């Protein structure tokens, strides 16, 4: 498990159509894998109180659209 907190005053805005990408790699000490390994990837976003951005609704809408395309 890795827990990382990024804070700052220089947030980069994301425009409609932009992607937020993450690279996930296994620990070198884990050795070779012969089977599929189930895992979970969790991201939380927090904004300052009172900001009023519809981040949750926007992320939910985009994720549902991507899952629908993958399932099709």
Foldseek 3Di string as FASTA:
>chain_A
DDDDDDDDDDDDDDDPPDDDDDDDDDDPVVDDDPDDDDDDDDDDDDDDPPPPDPVVVVVVVVVVVVVVVVVD
